[in-house]
Amino acid sequence: MGNLDNRVAIVTGGGRGIGRATSLRLARDGAAVVVNDIDAEPADETVALIAEAGGQAVSVVANTVELAQAEDLAAKAVDVFGSLDILVNNAGTTRDKMFHGLTDELFDLVIDASLRTSYHATLAAMPYMRDAAKQEMAELGAPAYQRKIVFTSSVAALMGNPGQFNYTAAKGAIIAVTKTLARELGPFGINVNAVAPGFVETRLTAARKPGETLGIPDETRNMAKAIIALGRLGEPEDIANVTAFLCSPDSNFVSGVTIPVSGGQLGGM
C-alpha cells in the first residue's frame, strides 16, 4: 500500500530530469501518473519505466504554453484514470544571458516555458480539483480528501543569479503565486506549495558543449559544488522526494510555502 493509492497525478515536464524522477516516485507511492512533455520519446520512456516497476502511467504530449493543450491534458487525466488529485508544475527551461544583452525573444521563451505553463496547467485543473471539492463540500460538508498542487521554483529566485533575469523573473513569480493560490484554494482543501531546487544534475546544468544552448560552463559547476554545504551536487531524486512529501497526506497542514532543496547552499535562508 502506498500513501498515494487511488490518487491521480499530472507531472508537466515529466519526461526528463526532475520531472522523470518525480513521476517515478509518485508512481512508486501508488499514484496513477500522467507524464506530460512536449516530446513524445522521453515521456514514453518514463511511462515504460513506471510500468516496469509495476505502476500505472500514460504519456500525454502537450505544450501547456497553450491553454487549449493544457485543458486537453487535464481532461485526458480524468478520462483515463477518473480524477485529477495532484498537479506538479515542473515544466521549465533556461536561456541564460546577461541583462544588457537580453532580448524579448529570450525573455518570452523562458517566461512561457517556466511560468505560463504553470498558469495554464493549474487553470485547466480547476474544474477537476476546485470544482470537485466544492461539490463534495455541498454534498458531504467538507472535501472528501485534500488535493495537492506543487510548483517547481528555484534557489536562483531566492538568492539571484547573474545571467538569469528571465529565469529568476519566472521562478520568483512562482514563489509569489504559490502563496496567493494557497490562500485562494485552501478553503477547498487544496494544498499549494513549491520546491526550490538548488544545483541539480540535469541537462540544463550539464557541462555546456560547443555550439549548444543548454548547459553551463565547467567553472560554474565547480563553483556551485564548492558552496554546497553537503559537498555534492543534487540529484533529481533529491527534489522528487520533497515533492512527493508535498503531494502526500503527510503535508496536509503545509500550504503556501517554498522549500529550498539545495544541500545547504542557502545556509539559514
Foldseek 3Di string as FASTA:
>chain_A
DALQALAEEEQAVLLFFLNLLLQLVSQVRHYAYEYEYQDDVSSVVSQVVSVVVPGHYDYDRFQLLPLVRLLVSLVVSCVVRNAHFEYEAEWFAAQFDAPVPDDPVRLVVRLSRQASSLVSNVVSRCCRQQVQLVVCCVVPVGGPAAGEYEYEAAVCLVPPDGRGPSRNVRRVVLLVVQQVVCVVCVRSRYAGEYEHEYFEDTQQAADDDPPDRGHDHPVVVVVLQVLQPQNDGHGSNLVSVVVSCRRGPVCSVDHSYYHYSYNCSPPPD
